[in-house]
Amino acid sequence: MAVTKFQDLGAVIKAVRDSRGIRQDDLAQDLAISRQYLQELEKGRPNLYITRLFRALNTLGITITISYTLSDKTDDHV
């Protein structure tokens, strides 16, 4: 999957988290972020850091490609 905007990235994070049965609270705690921040990320809501990152990537013509498997295997790539 090619990721060209932050909304794409949020959708992938949510899909993989859901497929693995991980609760938002648990993932947020593991990542040392608030649940609200994770919710905003999954919804594709822009924040300063993500906006700047994607602006730089787009300006330079860089596309991020993400591969993942919707399972609970530990060797999956996100």
PDB file of N, CA and C in Angstrom:
ATOM      1  N   MET A   1       0.847  -1.179   0.000  1.00  0.00           N
ATOM      2  CA  MET A   1       0.000   0.000   0.000  1.00  0.00           C
ATOM      3  C   MET A   1       0.887   1.236   0.000  1.00  0.00           C
ATOM      4  N   ALA A   2       0.623   2.140  -0.897  1.00  0.00           N
ATOM      5  CA  ALA A   2       1.356   3.396  -0.929  1.00  0.00           C
ATOM      6  C   ALA A   2       0.662   4.393  -0.009  1.00  0.00           C
ATOM      7  N   VAL A   3       1.449   5.054   0.793  1.00  0.00           N
ATOM      8  CA  VAL A   3       0.930   6.048   1.731  1.00  0.00           C
ATOM      9  C   VAL A   3       1.365   7.413   1.240  1.00  0.00           C
ATOM     10  N   THR A   4       0.408   8.223   0.810  1.00  0.00           N
ATOM     11  CA  THR A   4       0.738   9.553   0.306  1.00  0.00           C
ATOM     12  C   THR A   4       0.189  10.663   1.187  1.00  0.00           C
ATOM     13  N   LYS A   5      -0.647  10.296   2.147  1.00  0.00           N
ATOM     14  CA  LYS A   5      -1.183  11.288   3.085  1.00  0.00           C
ATOM     15  C   LYS A   5      -1.366  10.641   4.444  1.00  0.00           C
ATOM     16  N   PHE A   6      -1.421  11.483   5.471  1.00  0.00           N
ATOM     17  CA  PHE A   6      -1.464  10.934   6.827  1.00  0.00           C
ATOM     18  C   PHE A   6      -2.742  10.170   7.108  1.00  0.00           C
ATOM     19  N   GLN A   7      -3.820  10.425   6.386  1.00  0.00           N
ATOM     20  CA  GLN A   7      -5.047   9.669   6.589  1.00  0.00           C
ATOM     21  C   GLN A   7      -4.851   8.197   6.240  1.00  0.00           C
ATOM     22  N   ASP A   8      -4.033   7.932   5.214  1.00  0.00           N
ATOM     23  CA  ASP A   8      -3.732   6.548   4.834  1.00  0.00           C
ATOM     24  C   ASP A   8      -3.007   5.827   5.961  1.00  0.00           C
ATOM     25  N   LEU A   9      -2.068   6.498   6.556  1.00  0.00           N
ATOM     26  CA  LEU A   9      -1.279   5.909   7.639  1.00  0.00           C
ATOM     27  C   LEU A   9      -2.152   5.577   8.835  1.00  0.00           C
ATOM     28  N   GLY A  10      -3.032   6.480   9.207  1.00  0.00           N
ATOM     29  CA  GLY A  10      -3.943   6.241  10.325  1.00  0.00           C
ATOM     30  C   GLY A  10      -4.846   5.053  10.087  1.00  0.00           C
ATOM     31  N   ALA A  11      -5.340   4.912   8.856  1.00  0.00           N
ATOM     32  CA  ALA A  11      -6.219   3.785   8.523  1.00  0.00           C
ATOM     33  C   ALA A  11      -5.481   2.453   8.648  1.00  0.00           C
ATOM     34  N   VAL A  12      -4.225   2.425   8.245  1.00  0.00           N
ATOM     35  CA  VAL A  12      -3.428   1.201   8.371  1.00  0.00           C
ATOM     36  C   VAL A  12      -3.203   0.853   9.833  1.00  0.00           C
ATOM     37  N   ILE A  13      -2.839   1.836  10.633  1.00  0.00           N
ATOM     38  CA  ILE A  13      -2.602   1.588  12.059  1.00  0.00           C
ATOM     39  C   ILE A  13      -3.856   1.022  12.711  1.00  0.00           C
ATOM     40  N   LYS A  14      -4.999   1.608  12.434  1.00  0.00           N
ATOM     41  CA  LYS A  14      -6.256   1.140  13.015  1.00  0.00           C
ATOM     42  C   LYS A  14      -6.600  -0.268  12.535  1.00  0.00           C
ATOM     43  N   ALA A  15      -6.462  -0.531  11.242  1.00  0.00           N
ATOM     44  CA  ALA A  15      -6.791  -1.846  10.696  1.00  0.00           C
ATOM     45  C   ALA A  15      -5.928  -2.947  11.309  1.00  0.00           C
ATOM     46  N   VAL A  16      -4.650  -2.692  11.418  1.00  0.00           N
ATOM     47  CA  VAL A  16      -3.756  -3.706  11.989  1.00  0.00           C
ATOM     48  C   VAL A  16      -4.036  -3.882  13.477  1.00  0.00           C
ATOM     49  N   ARG A  17      -4.223  -2.780  14.196  1.00  0.00           N
ATOM     50  CA  ARG A  17      -4.533  -2.881  15.626  1.00  0.00           C
ATOM     51  C   ARG A  17      -5.815  -3.680  15.837  1.00  0.00           C
ATOM     52  N   ASP A  18      -6.859  -3.357  15.081  1.00  0.00           N
ATOM     53  CA  ASP A  18      -8.132  -4.069  15.201  1.00  0.00           C
ATOM     54  C   ASP A  18      -7.990  -5.546  14.859  1.00  0.00           C
ATOM     55  N   SER A  19      -7.248  -5.845  13.792  1.00  0.00           N
ATOM     56  CA  SER A  19      -7.107  -7.242  13.360  1.00  0.00           C
ATOM     57  C   SER A  19      -6.374  -8.082  14.397  1.00  0.00           C
ATOM     58  N   ARG A  20      -5.554  -7.433  15.184  1.00  0.00           N
ATOM     59  CA  ARG A  20      -4.795  -8.160  16.218  1.00  0.00           C
ATOM     60  C   ARG A  20      -5.482  -8.133  17.572  1.00  0.00           C
ATOM     61  N   GLY A  21      -6.646  -7.502  17.619  1.00  0.00           N
ATOM     62  CA  GLY A  21      -7.410  -7.480  18.858  1.00  0.00           C
ATOM     63  C   GLY A  21      -6.773  -6.637  19.954  1.00  0.00           C
ATOM     64  N   ILE A  22      -6.019  -5.640  19.572  1.00  0.00           N
ATOM     65  CA  ILE A  22      -5.352  -4.773  20.542  1.00  0.00           C
ATOM     66  C   ILE A  22      -6.249  -3.581  20.816  1.00  0.00           C
ATOM     67  N   ARG A  23      -6.500  -3.312  22.071  1.00  0.00           N
ATOM     68  CA  ARG A  23      -7.314  -2.155  22.448  1.00  0.00           C
ATOM     69  C   ARG A  23      -6.495  -0.875  22.320  1.00  0.00           C
ATOM     70  N   GLN A  24      -7.195   0.210  22.012  1.00  0.00           N
ATOM     71  CA  GLN A  24      -6.517   1.506  21.921  1.00  0.00           C
ATOM     72  C   GLN A  24      -5.794   1.842  23.210  1.00  0.00           C
ATOM     73  N   ASP A  25      -6.437   1.604  24.342  1.00  0.00           N
ATOM     74  CA  ASP A  25      -5.807   1.907  25.628  1.00  0.00           C
ATOM     75  C   ASP A  25      -4.472   1.184  25.783  1.00  0.00           C
ATOM     76  N   ASP A  26      -4.466  -0.094  25.416  1.00  0.00           N
ATOM     77  CA  ASP A  26      -3.263  -0.896  25.580  1.00  0.00           C
ATOM     78  C   ASP A  26      -2.142  -0.432  24.644  1.00  0.00           C
ATOM     79  N   LEU A  27      -2.485  -0.175  23.384  1.00  0.00           N
ATOM     80  CA  LEU A  27      -1.466   0.285  22.447  1.00  0.00           C
ATOM     81  C   LEU A  27      -0.929   1.647  22.850  1.00  0.00           C
ATOM     82  N   ALA A  28      -1.817   2.536  23.243  1.00  0.00           N
ATOM     83  CA  ALA A  28      -1.382   3.875  23.672  1.00  0.00           C
ATOM     84  C   ALA A  28      -0.417   3.761  24.857  1.00  0.00           C
ATOM     85  N   GLN A  29      -0.746   2.894  25.787  1.00  0.00           N
ATOM     86  CA  GLN A  29       0.130   2.716  26.944  1.00  0.00           C
ATOM     87  C   GLN A  29       1.487   2.152  26.509  1.00  0.00           C
ATOM     88  N   ASP A  30       1.476   1.157  25.616  1.00  0.00           N
ATOM     89  CA  ASP A  30       2.731   0.581  25.129  1.00  0.00           C
ATOM     90  C   ASP A  30       3.593   1.613  24.410  1.00  0.00           C
ATOM     91  N   LEU A  31       2.934   2.556  23.733  1.00  0.00           N
ATOM     92  CA  LEU A  31       3.658   3.577  22.977  1.00  0.00           C
ATOM     93  C   LEU A  31       3.974   4.823  23.803  1.00  0.00           C
ATOM     94  N   ALA A  32       3.500   4.849  25.033  1.00  0.00           N
ATOM     95  CA  ALA A  32       3.694   5.998  25.925  1.00  0.00           C
ATOM     96  C   ALA A  32       3.087   7.272  25.335  1.00  0.00           C
ATOM     97  N   ILE A  33       1.879   7.113  24.762  1.00  0.00           N
ATOM     98  CA  ILE A  33       1.119   8.250  24.263  1.00  0.00           C
ATOM     99  C   ILE A  33      -0.283   8.170  24.854  1.00  0.00           C
ATOM    100  N   SER A  34      -1.028   9.245  24.747  1.00  0.00           N
ATOM    101  CA  SER A  34      -2.395   9.214  25.268  1.00  0.00           C
ATOM    102  C   SER A  34      -3.312   8.489  24.293  1.00  0.00           C
ATOM    103  N   ARG A  35      -4.392   7.950  24.813  1.00  0.00           N
ATOM    104  CA  ARG A  35      -5.385   7.299  23.962  1.00  0.00           C
ATOM    105  C   ARG A  35      -5.968   8.315  22.987  1.00  0.00           C
ATOM    106  N   GLN A  36      -6.168   9.532  23.440  1.00  0.00           N
ATOM    107  CA  GLN A  36      -6.707  10.569  22.575  1.00  0.00           C
ATOM    108  C   GLN A  36      -5.782  10.832  21.387  1.00  0.00           C
ATOM    109  N   TYR A  37      -4.477  10.873  21.623  1.00  0.00           N
ATOM    110  CA  TYR A  37      -3.524  11.082  20.533  1.00  0.00           C
ATOM    111  C   TYR A  37      -3.612   9.931  19.535  1.00  0.00           C
ATOM    112  N   LEU A  38      -3.710   8.697  20.032  1.00  0.00           N
ATOM    113  CA  LEU A  38      -3.832   7.534  19.160  1.00  0.00           C
ATOM    114  C   LEU A  38      -5.129   7.603  18.351  1.00  0.00           C
ATOM    115  N   GLN A  39      -6.216   8.000  18.983  1.00  0.00           N
ATOM    116  CA  GLN A  39      -7.486   8.149  18.270  1.00  0.00           C
ATOM    117  C   GLN A  39      -7.348   9.160  17.133  1.00  0.00           C
ATOM    118  N   GLU A  40      -6.728  10.276  17.417  1.00  0.00           N
ATOM    119  CA  GLU A  40      -6.545  11.310  16.404  1.00  0.00           C
ATOM    120  C   GLU A  40      -5.676  10.789  15.254  1.00  0.00           C
ATOM    121  N   LEU A  41      -4.643  10.044  15.587  1.00  0.00           N
ATOM    122  CA  LEU A  41      -3.765   9.460  14.577  1.00  0.00           C
ATOM    123  C   LEU A  41      -4.542   8.488  13.693  1.00  0.00           C
ATOM    124  N   GLU A  42      -5.311   7.605  14.303  1.00  0.00           N
ATOM    125  CA  GLU A  42      -6.081   6.619  13.546  1.00  0.00           C
ATOM    126  C   GLU A  42      -7.147   7.271  12.665  1.00  0.00           C
ATOM    127  N   LYS A  43      -7.688   8.376  13.093  1.00  0.00           N
ATOM    128  CA  LYS A  43      -8.706   9.076  12.309  1.00  0.00           C
ATOM    129  C   LYS A  43      -8.083   9.905  11.182  1.00  0.00           C
ATOM    130  N   GLY A  44      -6.766   9.978  11.169  1.00  0.00           N
ATOM    131  CA  GLY A  44      -6.089  10.739  10.132  1.00  0.00           C
ATOM    132  C   GLY A  44      -6.147  12.234  10.341  1.00  0.00           C
ATOM    133  N   ARG A  45      -6.345  12.630  11.581  1.00  0.00           N
ATOM    134  CA  ARG A  45      -6.392  14.059  11.879  1.00  0.00           C
ATOM    135  C   ARG A  45      -4.968  14.608  11.893  1.00  0.00           C
ATOM    136  N   PRO A  46      -4.773  15.708  11.226  1.00  0.00           N
ATOM    137  CA  PRO A  46      -3.410  16.251  11.141  1.00  0.00           C
ATOM    138  C   PRO A  46      -2.931  16.830  12.469  1.00  0.00           C
ATOM    139  N   ASN A  47      -1.655  16.684  12.699  1.00  0.00           N
ATOM    140  CA  ASN A  47      -1.014  17.409  13.786  1.00  0.00           C
ATOM    141  C   ASN A  47       0.262  18.011  13.210  1.00  0.00           C
ATOM    142  N   LEU A  48       0.875  18.868  13.938  1.00  0.00           N
ATOM    143  CA  LEU A  48       2.010  19.620  13.429  1.00  0.00           C
ATOM    144  C   LEU A  48       3.120  18.714  12.904  1.00  0.00           C
ATOM    145  N   TYR A  49       3.475  17.691  13.647  1.00  0.00           N
ATOM    146  CA  TYR A  49       4.599  16.841  13.266  1.00  0.00           C
ATOM    147  C   TYR A  49       4.295  16.007  12.031  1.00  0.00           C
ATOM    148  N   ILE A  50       3.116  15.424  11.975  1.00  0.00           N
ATOM    149  CA  ILE A  50       2.748  14.600  10.822  1.00  0.00           C
ATOM    150  C   ILE A  50       2.580  15.470   9.581  1.00  0.00           C
ATOM    151  N   THR A  51       1.991  16.643   9.749  1.00  0.00           N
ATOM    152  CA  THR A  51       1.822  17.557   8.624  1.00  0.00           C
ATOM    153  C   THR A  51       3.179  17.935   8.039  1.00  0.00           C
ATOM    154  N   ARG A  52       4.119  18.275   8.902  1.00  0.00           N
ATOM    155  CA  ARG A  52       5.464  18.645   8.430  1.00  0.00           C
ATOM    156  C   ARG A  52       6.158  17.464   7.763  1.00  0.00           C
ATOM    157  N   LEU A  53       6.015  16.274   8.334  1.00  0.00           N
ATOM    158  CA  LEU A  53       6.634  15.083   7.757  1.00  0.00           C
ATOM    159  C   LEU A  53       6.109  14.847   6.347  1.00  0.00           C
ATOM    160  N   PHE A  54       4.795  14.843   6.183  1.00  0.00           N
ATOM    161  CA  PHE A  54       4.237  14.571   4.863  1.00  0.00           C
ATOM    162  C   PHE A  54       4.497  15.712   3.881  1.00  0.00           C
ATOM    163  N   ARG A  55       4.589  16.927   4.348  1.00  0.00           N
ATOM    164  CA  ARG A  55       4.947  18.042   3.466  1.00  0.00           C
ATOM    165  C   ARG A  55       6.359  17.821   2.923  1.00  0.00           C
ATOM    166  N   ALA A  56       7.275  17.425   3.782  1.00  0.00           N
ATOM    167  CA  ALA A  56       8.655  17.166   3.344  1.00  0.00           C
ATOM    168  C   ALA A  56       8.697  15.994   2.368  1.00  0.00           C
ATOM    169  N   LEU A  57       7.991  14.910   2.691  1.00  0.00           N
ATOM    170  CA  LEU A  57       7.981  13.747   1.806  1.00  0.00           C
ATOM    171  C   LEU A  57       7.408  14.102   0.436  1.00  0.00           C
ATOM    172  N   ASN A  58       6.291  14.806   0.427  1.00  0.00           N
ATOM    173  CA  ASN A  58       5.654  15.169  -0.838  1.00  0.00           C
ATOM    174  C   ASN A  58       6.513  16.131  -1.650  1.00  0.00           C
ATOM    175  N   THR A  59       7.142  17.083  -0.980  1.00  0.00           N
ATOM    176  CA  THR A  59       8.002  18.037  -1.673  1.00  0.00           C
ATOM    177  C   THR A  59       9.179  17.335  -2.342  1.00  0.00           C
ATOM    178  N   LEU A  60       9.709  16.326  -1.674  1.00  0.00           N
ATOM    179  CA  LEU A  60      10.850  15.590  -2.205  1.00  0.00           C
ATOM    180  C   LEU A  60      10.451  14.447  -3.134  1.00  0.00           C
ATOM    181  N   GLY A  61       9.142  14.226  -3.301  1.00  0.00           N
ATOM    182  CA  GLY A  61       8.678  13.155  -4.173  1.00  0.00           C
ATOM    183  C   GLY A  61       8.853  11.775  -3.582  1.00  0.00           C
ATOM    184  N   ILE A  62       8.849  11.687  -2.265  1.00  0.00           N
ATOM    185  CA  ILE A  62       9.024  10.410  -1.576  1.00  0.00           C
ATOM    186  C   ILE A  62       7.663   9.803  -1.262  1.00  0.00           C
ATOM    187  N   THR A  63       7.488   8.543  -1.604  1.00  0.00           N
ATOM    188  CA  THR A  63       6.281   7.801  -1.257  1.00  0.00           C
ATOM    189  C   THR A  63       6.661   6.693  -0.297  1.00  0.00           C
ATOM    190  N   ILE A  64       5.917   6.561   0.758  1.00  0.00           N
ATOM    191  CA  ILE A  64       6.134   5.497   1.731  1.00  0.00           C
ATOM    192  C   ILE A  64       5.265   4.314   1.327  1.00  0.00           C
ATOM    193  N   THR A  65       5.844   3.131   1.320  1.00  0.00           N
ATOM    194  CA  THR A  65       5.078   1.927   1.048  1.00  0.00           C
ATOM    195  C   THR A  65       5.064   1.086   2.315  1.00  0.00           C
ATOM    196  N   ILE A  66       3.876   0.661   2.697  1.00  0.00           N
ATOM    197  CA  ILE A  66       3.712  -0.133   3.911  1.00  0.00           C
ATOM    198  C   ILE A  66       3.198  -1.502   3.532  1.00  0.00           C
ATOM    199  N   SER A  67       3.817  -2.521   4.078  1.00  0.00           N
ATOM    200  CA  SER A  67       3.290  -3.870   3.908  1.00  0.00           C
ATOM    201  C   SER A  67       2.948  -4.404   5.286  1.00  0.00           C
ATOM    202  N   TYR A  68       1.845  -5.108   5.352  1.00  0.00           N
ATOM    203  CA  TYR A  68       1.398  -5.654   6.622  1.00  0.00           C
ATOM    204  C   TYR A  68       0.492  -6.834   6.369  1.00  0.00           C
ATOM    205  N   THR A  69       0.339  -7.645   7.375  1.00  0.00           N
ATOM    206  CA  THR A  69      -0.566  -8.775   7.334  1.00  0.00           C
ATOM    207  C   THR A  69      -1.522  -8.632   8.492  1.00  0.00           C
ATOM    208  N   LEU A  70      -2.789  -8.808   8.213  1.00  0.00           N
ATOM    209  CA  LEU A  70      -3.788  -8.671   9.269  1.00  0.00           C
ATOM    210  C   LEU A  70      -3.871  -9.991  10.045  1.00  0.00           C
ATOM    211  N   SER A  71      -2.914 -10.178  10.938  1.00  0.00           N
ATOM    212  CA  SER A  71      -2.857 -11.366  11.786  1.00  0.00           C
ATOM    213  C   SER A  71      -2.123 -11.009  13.058  1.00  0.00           C
ATOM    214  N   ASP A  72      -1.910 -12.001  13.890  1.00  0.00           N
ATOM    215  CA  ASP A  72      -1.209 -11.743  15.156  1.00  0.00           C
ATOM    216  C   ASP A  72       0.228 -12.239  15.145  1.00  0.00           C
ATOM    217  N   LYS A  73       0.773 -12.530  13.973  1.00  0.00           N
ATOM    218  CA  LYS A  73       2.154 -12.983  13.898  1.00  0.00           C
ATOM    219  C   LYS A  73       3.101 -11.871  14.308  1.00  0.00           C
ATOM    220  N   THR A  74       4.159 -12.243  14.993  1.00  0.00           N
ATOM    221  CA  THR A  74       5.103 -11.238  15.476  1.00  0.00           C
ATOM    222  C   THR A  74       6.093 -10.808  14.405  1.00  0.00           C
ATOM    223  N   ASP A  75       6.169 -11.548  13.277  1.00  0.00           N
ATOM    224  CA  ASP A  75       7.131 -11.180  12.244  1.00  0.00           C
ATOM    225  C   ASP A  75       6.497 -10.320  11.152  1.00  0.00           C
ATOM    226  N   ASP A  76       5.293  -9.819  11.364  1.00  0.00           N
ATOM    227  CA  ASP A  76       4.635  -8.950  10.396  1.00  0.00           C
ATOM    228  C   ASP A  76       5.322  -7.596  10.347  1.00  0.00           C
ATOM    229  N   HIS A  77       5.158  -6.932   9.249  1.00  0.00           N
ATOM    230  CA  HIS A  77       5.730  -5.590   9.082  1.00  0.00           C
ATOM    231  C   HIS A  77       4.609  -4.588   9.025  1.00  0.00           C
ATOM    232  N   VAL A  78       4.770  -3.507   9.745  1.00  0.00           N
ATOM    233  CA  VAL A  78       3.802  -2.410   9.724  1.00  0.00           C
ATOM    234  C   VAL A  78       4.532  -1.161   9.339  1.00  0.00           C
TER     235      VAL A  78
END
